C-alpha atoms as a PDB file:
ATOM      1  CA  MET A   1       0.000   0.000   0.000  1.00  0.00           C
ATOM      2  CA  LYS A   2       1.450   3.325  -1.102  1.00  0.00           C
ATOM      3  CA  SER A   3       1.505   6.494   0.991  1.00  0.00           C
ATOM      4  CA  PHE A   4       1.438  10.247   0.374  1.00  0.00           C
ATOM      5  CA  VAL A   5       2.812  12.846   2.783  1.00  0.00           C
ATOM      6  CA  VAL A   6       1.665  16.400   2.013  1.00  0.00           C
ATOM      7  CA  LEU A   7       2.089  19.809   3.585  1.00  0.00           C
ATOM      8  CA  THR A   8      -0.055  22.210   1.515  1.00  0.00           C
ATOM      9  CA  TYR A   9      -3.343  22.318  -0.380  1.00  0.00           C
ATOM     10  CA  TYR A  10      -1.552  22.263  -3.718  1.00  0.00           C
ATOM     11  CA  GLN A  11       0.300  19.120  -2.701  1.00  0.00           C
ATOM     12  CA  LEU A  12      -2.994  17.575  -1.593  1.00  0.00           C
ATOM     13  CA  MET A  13      -4.440  18.270  -5.054  1.00  0.00           C
ATOM     14  CA  HIS A  14      -1.456  16.578  -6.664  1.00  0.00           C
ATOM     15  CA  ALA A  15      -1.763  13.600  -4.306  1.00  0.00           C
ATOM     16  CA  VAL A  16      -5.480  13.263  -5.134  1.00  0.00           C
ATOM     17  CA  ALA A  17      -4.749  13.275  -8.873  1.00  0.00           C
ATOM     18  CA  CYS A  18      -1.978  10.729  -8.426  1.00  0.00           C
ATOM     19  CA  ALA A  19      -3.986   8.494  -6.072  1.00  0.00           C
ATOM     20  CA  LEU A  20      -6.802   8.317  -8.620  1.00  0.00           C
ATOM     21  CA  THR A  21      -4.437   6.551 -11.032  1.00  0.00           C
ATOM     22  CA  LEU A  22      -3.549   3.786  -8.550  1.00  0.00           C
ATOM     23  CA  LYS A  23      -5.096   0.315  -8.588  1.00  0.00           C
ATOM     24  CA  GLU A  24      -5.496   0.217  -4.811  1.00  0.00           C
ATOM     25  CA  LYS A  25      -6.113   2.801  -2.119  1.00  0.00           C
ATOM     26  CA  ALA A  26      -3.187   4.567  -0.532  1.00  0.00           C
ATOM     27  CA  ASN A  27      -2.649   6.192   2.858  1.00  0.00           C
ATOM     28  CA  LEU A  28      -2.564   9.982   3.125  1.00  0.00           C
ATOM     29  CA  TYR A  29      -0.589  11.807   5.790  1.00  0.00           C
ATOM     30  CA  PHE A  30      -1.173  15.564   6.076  1.00  0.00           C
ATOM     31  CA  SER A  31       1.315  17.620   8.076  1.00  0.00           C
ATOM     32  CA  GLN A  32      -0.542  19.930  10.451  1.00  0.00           C
ATOM     33  CA  ASN A  33       2.524  22.055  11.100  1.00  0.00           C
ATOM     34  CA  TYR A  34       2.342  24.495   8.201  1.00  0.00           C
ATOM     35  CA  LEU A  35      -1.424  25.012   7.684  1.00  0.00           C
ATOM     36  CA  ASP A  36      -2.746  23.878  11.079  1.00  0.00           C
ATOM     37  CA  ILE A  37      -5.129  21.474   9.347  1.00  0.00           C
ATOM     38  CA  SER A  38      -8.280  20.792  11.375  1.00  0.00           C
ATOM     39  CA  GLU A  39      -9.791  17.402  12.131  1.00  0.00           C
ATOM     40  CA  ASP A  40     -12.924  18.458  10.219  1.00  0.00           C
ATOM     41  CA  PHE A  41     -10.831  18.991   7.098  1.00  0.00           C
ATOM     42  CA  LEU A  42      -9.192  15.585   7.481  1.00  0.00           C
ATOM     43  CA  GLU A  43     -12.622  14.023   7.944  1.00  0.00           C
ATOM     44  CA  ARG A  44     -13.853  15.495   4.668  1.00  0.00           C
ATOM     45  CA  ILE A  45     -10.889  13.893   2.917  1.00  0.00           C
ATOM     46  CA  ARG A  46     -11.823  10.569   4.525  1.00  0.00           C
ATOM     47  CA  GLU A  47     -15.422  10.940   3.355  1.00  0.00           C
ATOM     48  CA  THR A  48     -14.320  10.930  -0.292  1.00  0.00           C
ATOM     49  CA  GLY A  49     -13.277   7.288   0.095  1.00  0.00           C
ATOM     50  CA  LEU A  50     -10.184   7.843  -2.025  1.00  0.00           C
ATOM     51  CA  PHE A  51      -7.640   6.981   0.665  1.00  0.00           C
ATOM     52  CA  TYR A  52      -7.424   3.960   2.927  1.00  0.00           C
ATOM     53  CA  LYS A  53      -6.266   6.001   5.924  1.00  0.00           C
ATOM     54  CA  VAL A  54      -6.051   9.779   6.417  1.00  0.00           C
ATOM     55  CA  VAL A  55      -3.761  10.804   9.274  1.00  0.00           C
ATOM     56  CA  GLY A  56      -2.810  14.255  10.545  1.00  0.00           C
ATOM     57  CA  LEU A  57       0.880  14.672  11.334  1.00  0.00           C
ATOM     58  CA  SER A  58       0.923  16.922  14.370  1.00  0.00           C
ATOM     59  CA  GLN A  59       4.183  17.823  16.113  1.00  0.00           C
ATOM     60  CA  LYS A  60       2.855  19.974  18.947  1.00  0.00           C
ATOM     61  CA  GLU A  61       3.305  17.226  21.525  1.00  0.00           C
ATOM     62  CA  TYR A  62       7.096  17.166  21.353  1.00  0.00           C
ATOM     63  CA  VAL A  63       8.227  20.376  19.674  1.00  0.00           C
ATOM     64  CA  VAL A  64       9.062  22.422  22.799  1.00  0.00           C
ATOM     65  CA  PRO A  65      11.237  19.879  24.691  1.00  0.00           C
ATOM     66  CA  PHE A  66      12.787  18.712  21.405  1.00  0.00           C
ATOM     67  CA  THR A  67      13.763  22.260  20.443  1.00  0.00           C
ATOM     68  CA  GLU A  68      15.167  22.957  23.899  1.00  0.00           C
ATOM     69  CA  GLU A  69      17.382  19.875  23.635  1.00  0.00           C
ATOM     70  CA  LEU A  70      18.586  20.951  20.191  1.00  0.00           C
ATOM     71  CA  LYS A  71      19.386  24.451  21.443  1.00  0.00           C
ATOM     72  CA  LYS A  72      21.856  22.947  23.896  1.00  0.00           C
ATOM     73  CA  THR A  73      23.915  21.651  20.960  1.00  0.00           C
ATOM     74  CA  LYS A  74      24.494  25.114  19.474  1.00  0.00           C
ATOM     75  CA  GLY A  75      28.207  25.763  19.126  1.00  0.00           C
ATOM     76  CA  MET A  76      29.222  22.219  20.066  1.00  0.00           C
ATOM     77  CA  SER A  77      32.310  20.663  18.529  1.00  0.00           C
ATOM     78  CA  GLU A  78      32.119  17.783  16.050  1.00  0.00           C
ATOM     79  CA  GLU A  79      33.272  15.417  18.789  1.00  0.00           C
ATOM     80  CA  GLU A  80      30.486  16.578  21.112  1.00  0.00           C
ATOM     81  CA  ILE A  81      27.929  16.186  18.314  1.00  0.00           C
ATOM     82  CA  ASP A  82      29.179  12.659  17.669  1.00  0.00           C
ATOM     83  CA  ALA A  83      28.760  11.858  21.349  1.00  0.00           C
ATOM     84  CA  ILE A  84      25.098  12.859  21.118  1.00  0.00           C
ATOM     85  CA  GLY A  85      24.533  11.042  17.833  1.00  0.00           C
ATOM     86  CA  ASN A  86      20.900  10.098  17.198  1.00  0.00           C
ATOM     87  CA  SER A  87      19.861  10.319  20.842  1.00  0.00           C
ATOM     88  CA  ILE A  88      17.776  13.532  20.658  1.00  0.00           C
ATOM     89  CA  PHE A  89      15.945  12.444  17.506  1.00  0.00           C
ATOM     90  CA  GLU A  90      15.382   8.940  18.847  1.00  0.00           C
ATOM     91  CA  LYS A  91      13.965  10.295  22.098  1.00  0.00           C
ATOM     92  CA  TYR A  92      11.444  12.699  20.566  1.00  0.00           C
ATOM     93  CA  LEU A  93      10.887  12.000  16.868  1.00  0.00           C
ATOM     94  CA  GLU A  94      11.029   8.207  16.738  1.00  0.00           C
ATOM     95  CA  PRO A  95       8.206   7.336  19.194  1.00  0.00           C
ATOM     96  CA  HIS A  96       5.992  10.202  18.024  1.00  0.00           C
ATOM     97  CA  TYR A  97       6.022   9.298  14.340  1.00  0.00           C
ATOM     98  CA  ALA A  98       6.104   5.559  15.000  1.00  0.00           C
ATOM     99  CA  GLU A  99       2.573   5.929  16.350  1.00  0.00           C
ATOM    100  CA  LEU A 100       1.373   8.126  13.475  1.00  0.00           C
ATOM    101  CA  PHE A 101       2.840   5.866  10.771  1.00  0.00           C
ATOM    102  CA  LYS A 102       1.880   2.591  12.471  1.00  0.00           C
ATOM    103  CA  ASP A 103      -0.453   1.556   9.622  1.00  0.00           C
ATOM    104  CA  ALA A 104       1.971   2.414   6.825  1.00  0.00           C
ATOM    105  CA  ASP A 105       3.531  -0.050   4.409  1.00  0.00           C
ATOM    106  CA  PHE A 106       7.261   0.498   4.784  1.00  0.00           C
ATOM    107  CA  ASP A 107       8.131  -1.578   1.720  1.00  0.00           C
ATOM    108  CA  ASP A 108       5.854   0.175  -0.781  1.00  0.00           C
ATOM    109  CA  GLU A 109       6.373   3.611  -2.305  1.00  0.00           C
ATOM    110  CA  ILE A 110       5.861   6.743  -0.236  1.00  0.00           C
ATOM    111  CA  TYR A 111       5.447  10.078  -2.029  1.00  0.00           C
ATOM    112  CA  VAL A 112       7.112  12.828   0.015  1.00  0.00           C
ATOM    113  CA  TYR A 113       6.352  16.419  -0.961  1.00  0.00           C
ATOM    114  CA  ASN A 114       8.745  18.024   1.541  1.00  0.00           C
ATOM    115  CA  ASP A 115      11.954  16.600   2.923  1.00  0.00           C
ATOM    116  CA  PHE A 116      12.689  19.405   5.400  1.00  0.00           C
ATOM    117  CA  GLN A 117       9.869  18.623   7.829  1.00  0.00           C
ATOM    118  CA  ARG A 118      10.731  16.678  10.971  1.00  0.00           C
ATOM    119  CA  HIS A 119       8.635  13.680   9.993  1.00  0.00           C
ATOM    120  CA  TYR A 120      11.204  13.099   7.219  1.00  0.00           C
ATOM    121  CA  TYR A 121      13.618  11.796   9.864  1.00  0.00           C
ATOM    122  CA  TYR A 122      11.301   8.871  10.527  1.00  0.00           C
ATOM    123  CA  ILE A 123      10.413   8.355   6.850  1.00  0.00           C
ATOM    124  CA  ALA A 124      14.035   8.249   5.705  1.00  0.00           C
ATOM    125  CA  LYS A 125      14.894   5.761   8.423  1.00  0.00           C
ATOM    126  CA  HIS A 126      12.008   3.325   7.900  1.00  0.00           C
ATOM    127  CA  PHE A 127      10.690   3.553   4.317  1.00  0.00           C
ATOM    128  CA  LYS A 128      12.630   1.725   1.618  1.00  0.00           C
ATOM    129  CA  ASN A 129      11.137   3.351  -1.489  1.00  0.00           C
ATOM    130  CA  ILE A 130      10.842   7.124  -1.206  1.00  0.00           C
ATOM    131  CA  ILE A 131       9.626   9.216  -4.132  1.00  0.00           C
ATOM    132  CA  GLY A 132      10.383  12.908  -3.843  1.00  0.00           C
ATOM    133  CA  VAL A 133       7.724  15.092  -5.441  1.00  0.00           C
ATOM    134  CA  GLU A 134       8.708  18.449  -6.915  1.00  0.00           C
ATOM    135  CA  ASP A 135       5.685  20.719  -6.558  1.00  0.00           C
ATOM    136  CA  GLY A 136       5.712  22.057 -10.116  1.00  0.00           C
ATOM    137  CA  TYR A 137       7.130  25.462  -9.242  1.00  0.00           C
ATOM    138  CA  LYS A 138      10.704  24.380 -10.066  1.00  0.00           C
ATOM    139  CA  SER A 139      11.508  25.010  -6.419  1.00  0.00           C
ATOM    140  CA  LEU A 140      14.013  22.157  -6.392  1.00  0.00           C
ATOM    141  CA  ALA A 141      16.376  24.134  -8.613  1.00  0.00           C
ATOM    142  CA  GLN A 142      16.139  27.126  -6.273  1.00  0.00           C
ATOM    143  CA  GLN A 143      16.528  25.053  -3.130  1.00  0.00           C
ATOM    144  CA  ILE A 144      19.767  23.599  -4.449  1.00  0.00           C
ATOM    145  CA  LYS A 145      21.175  27.133  -4.652  1.00  0.00           C
ATOM    146  CA  VAL A 146      19.651  28.623  -1.505  1.00  0.00           C
ATOM    147  CA  HIS A 147      20.199  27.506   2.070  1.00  0.00           C
ATOM    148  CA  ARG A 148      16.806  26.497   3.430  1.00  0.00           C
ATOM    149  CA  PHE A 149      17.447  26.004   7.125  1.00  0.00           C
ATOM    150  CA  LYS A 150      16.452  28.933   9.308  1.00  0.00           C
ATOM    151  CA  GLY A 151      15.690  29.437  12.978  1.00  0.00           C
ATOM    152  CA  ASN A 152      15.414  26.257  15.005  1.00  0.00           C
ATOM    153  CA  HIS A 153      15.696  24.121  11.856  1.00  0.00           C
ATOM    154  CA  LYS A 154      19.259  25.379  11.501  1.00  0.00           C
ATOM    155  CA  LEU A 155      20.162  23.486  14.668  1.00  0.00           C
ATOM    156  CA  VAL A 156      20.059  20.123  12.850  1.00  0.00           C
ATOM    157  CA  GLU A 157      22.883  21.166  10.492  1.00  0.00           C
ATOM    158  CA  PRO A 158      25.711  19.561  12.504  1.00  0.00           C
ATOM    159  CA  PHE A 159      23.786  16.262  12.404  1.00  0.00           C
ATOM    160  CA  LEU A 160      23.052  16.216   8.663  1.00  0.00           C
ATOM    161  CA  GLY A 161      24.305  13.234   6.684  1.00  0.00           C
ATOM    162  CA  LYS A 162      25.345  11.298   9.796  1.00  0.00           C
ATOM    163  CA  TYR A 163      22.505  11.338  12.310  1.00  0.00           C
ATOM    164  CA  TYR A 164      19.821  13.166  10.354  1.00  0.00           C
ATOM    165  CA  PRO A 165      18.968  12.538   6.676  1.00  0.00           C
ATOM    166  CA  GLU A 166      20.508  14.995   4.240  1.00  0.00           C
ATOM    167  CA  PRO A 167      17.781  17.139   2.602  1.00  0.00           C
ATOM    168  CA  LEU A 168      17.058  17.856  -1.090  1.00  0.00           C
ATOM    169  CA  TYR A 169      16.174  14.208  -1.708  1.00  0.00           C
ATOM    170  CA  LYS A 170      19.768  13.073  -1.308  1.00  0.00           C
ATOM    171  CA  TYR A 171      19.003  10.219   1.051  1.00  0.00           C
ATOM    172  CA  LYS A 172      19.846   6.764  -0.312  1.00  0.00           C
ATOM    173  CA  ASN A 173      16.244   5.501  -0.102  1.00  0.00           C
ATOM    174  CA  VAL A 174      14.965   8.218  -2.469  1.00  0.00           C
ATOM    175  CA  LYS A 175      14.519   6.179  -5.640  1.00  0.00           C
ATOM    176  CA  LYS A 176      12.876   8.762  -7.876  1.00  0.00           C
ATOM    177  CA  ILE A 177      11.965  12.448  -8.102  1.00  0.00           C
ATOM    178  CA  VAL A 178       8.664  13.254  -9.817  1.00  0.00           C
ATOM    179  CA  SER A 179       8.190  16.722 -11.270  1.00  0.00           C
ATOM    180  CA  SER A 180       5.591  18.545 -13.330  1.00  0.00           C
ATOM    181  CA  CYS A 181       8.458  20.466 -14.921  1.00  0.00           C
ATOM    182  CA  ASP A 182      11.592  19.572 -16.771  1.00  0.00           C
ATOM    183  CA  PHE A 183      14.759  21.482 -15.921  1.00  0.00           C
ATOM    184  CA  GLU A 184      17.379  23.038 -18.149  1.00  0.00           C
ATOM    185  CA  LYS A 185      20.067  22.691 -15.531  1.00  0.00           C
ATOM    186  CA  LEU A 186      20.223  20.206 -12.679  1.00  0.00           C
ATOM    187  CA  PRO A 187      23.128  18.302 -11.142  1.00  0.00           C
ATOM    188  CA  GLU A 188      23.498  14.798 -12.580  1.00  0.00           C
ATOM    189  CA  TYR A 189      22.334  13.271  -9.307  1.00  0.00           C
ATOM    190  CA  TYR A 190      18.853  14.713  -9.862  1.00  0.00           C
ATOM    191  CA  ARG A 191      18.844  14.286 -13.611  1.00  0.00           C
ATOM    192  CA  GLU A 192      19.282  10.523 -13.215  1.00  0.00           C
ATOM    193  CA  LYS A 193      16.308  10.263 -10.857  1.00  0.00           C
ATOM    194  CA  LEU A 194      13.982  12.827 -12.440  1.00  0.00           C
ATOM    195  CA  GLU A 195      10.706  11.708 -14.001  1.00  0.00           C
ATOM    196  CA  VAL A 196       8.514  14.408 -15.569  1.00  0.00           C
ATOM    197  CA  VAL A 197       4.803  13.766 -14.993  1.00  0.00           C
ATOM    198  CA  ASP A 198       2.692  16.764 -15.914  1.00  0.00           C
ATOM    199  CA  PHE A 199       0.094  17.613 -13.277  1.00  0.00           C
ATOM    200  CA  ASN A 200      -2.509  18.498 -15.911  1.00  0.00           C
ATOM    201  CA  ASP A 201      -2.050  15.092 -17.541  1.00  0.00           C
ATOM    202  CA  LEU A 202      -2.638  13.417 -14.177  1.00  0.00           C
ATOM    203  CA  VAL A 203      -5.850  15.392 -13.658  1.00  0.00           C
ATOM    204  CA  GLU A 204      -7.177  14.647 -17.150  1.00  0.00           C
ATOM    205  CA  LYS A 205      -7.047  10.896 -16.540  1.00  0.00           C
ATOM    206  CA  ASN A 206      -9.814  11.166 -13.916  1.00  0.00           C
ATOM    207  CA  LYS A 207     -10.969  14.761 -14.211  1.00  0.00           C
ATOM    208  CA  VAL A 208     -14.629  14.336 -13.239  1.00  0.00           C
ATOM    209  CA  ARG A 209     -13.815  12.376 -10.089  1.00  0.00           C
ATOM    210  CA  PHE A 210     -10.919  14.719  -9.295  1.00  0.00           C
ATOM    211  CA  VAL A 211     -13.242  17.729  -9.340  1.00  0.00           C
ATOM    212  CA  GLU A 212     -15.893  15.933  -7.278  1.00  0.00           C
ATOM    213  CA  ILE A 213     -13.350  15.080  -4.583  1.00  0.00           C
ATOM    214  CA  LEU A 214     -11.943  18.595  -4.352  1.00  0.00           C
ATOM    215  CA  LEU A 215     -15.404  20.145  -4.236  1.00  0.00           C
ATOM    216  CA  HIS A 216     -16.244  17.942  -1.255  1.00  0.00           C
ATOM    217  CA  ILE A 217     -12.937  18.458   0.560  1.00  0.00           C
ATOM    218  CA  PHE A 218     -13.128  22.231   0.282  1.00  0.00           C
ATOM    219  CA  LYS A 219     -16.923  22.365   0.859  1.00  0.00           C
ATOM    220  CA  LEU A 220     -17.686  23.867  -2.549  1.00  0.00           C
ATOM    221  CA  GLU A 221     -20.508  21.561  -3.737  1.00  0.00           C
ATOM    222  CA  ASP A 222     -23.164  24.210  -3.207  1.00  0.00           C
ATOM    223  CA  LEU A 223     -21.100  27.200  -4.226  1.00  0.00           C
ATOM    224  CA  GLU A 224     -23.119  29.636  -6.336  1.00  0.00           C
ATOM    225  CA  ILE A 225     -21.099  31.804  -8.704  1.00  0.00           C
ATOM    226  CA  GLN A 226     -22.759  35.093  -9.598  1.00  0.00           C
ATOM    227  CA  THR A 227     -22.041  36.807 -12.908  1.00  0.00           C
ATOM    228  CA  ASP A 228     -20.501  39.819 -11.174  1.00  0.00           C
ATOM    229  CA  SER A 229     -18.394  37.779  -8.742  1.00  0.00           C
ATOM    230  CA  ALA A 230     -14.664  38.308  -8.349  1.00  0.00           C
ATOM    231  CA  LEU A 231     -12.121  35.484  -8.119  1.00  0.00           C
ATOM    232  CA  ILE A 232      -9.221  36.305  -5.814  1.00  0.00           C
ATOM    233  CA  LEU A 233      -6.132  34.102  -6.028  1.00  0.00           C
ATOM    234  CA  GLY A 234      -3.934  34.204  -2.956  1.00  0.00           C
ATOM    235  CA  ALA A 235      -0.984  32.465  -4.606  1.00  0.00           C
ATOM    236  CA  PRO A 236       0.093  31.565  -8.128  1.00  0.00           C
ATOM    237  CA  LEU A 237      -1.308  28.284  -9.414  1.00  0.00           C
ATOM    238  CA  ALA A 238       1.650  27.738 -11.722  1.00  0.00           C
ATOM    239  CA  ARG A 239       4.955  29.415 -12.267  1.00  0.00           C
ATOM    240  CA  GLY A 240       8.508  28.721 -13.243  1.00  0.00           C
ATOM    241  CA  LYS A 241       8.079  28.503 -17.012  1.00  0.00           C
END
């Protein structure tokens, strides 16, 4: 059974389109860190019947003590970091996400739309077939150039590659990177793993059902559009071309 791990509404839409092409139901995991997704919203996703399980990935239970432990490592030497090893992540991240991912299939493919969230520590450690999903904005190319870690996330830097999975889909269990866009320039590492799957093509395969599902999830079934209505877009739907 495959799994999807999303962080935003756009990623959810992509996961829905992709899940509709599968022969069997997949699990959906929605991070509640970025959008503060409500249980009502998760329930509406469940009601569509598209996914086998729909689980919210909350981190509120551990984030304060975990961050305080990480803060203590600031300025430590490489030897001191090595002495700590995986201990902080094993104490806080491992048991928390072990419970949330308890119904997952660790041998099947898991589609990961962000590899800089803390749940990626658990995913990289336990899932054998990770598929990184580029969100269609060509953000991967920008992320390669720009340092992404800020604030408390910056504290994991001394652990990267040894005790914490290296980001940008460089972990050994990332078998493929799916993108809606091709790239003119990418390091060979990514070029070898890149598979271009246009989002619009995914939608067209099951467009009627795709629209029905999104209308239900976002409570738009009874939306009445007046002729003088205005459509306000809070973010670009596509860019990077």
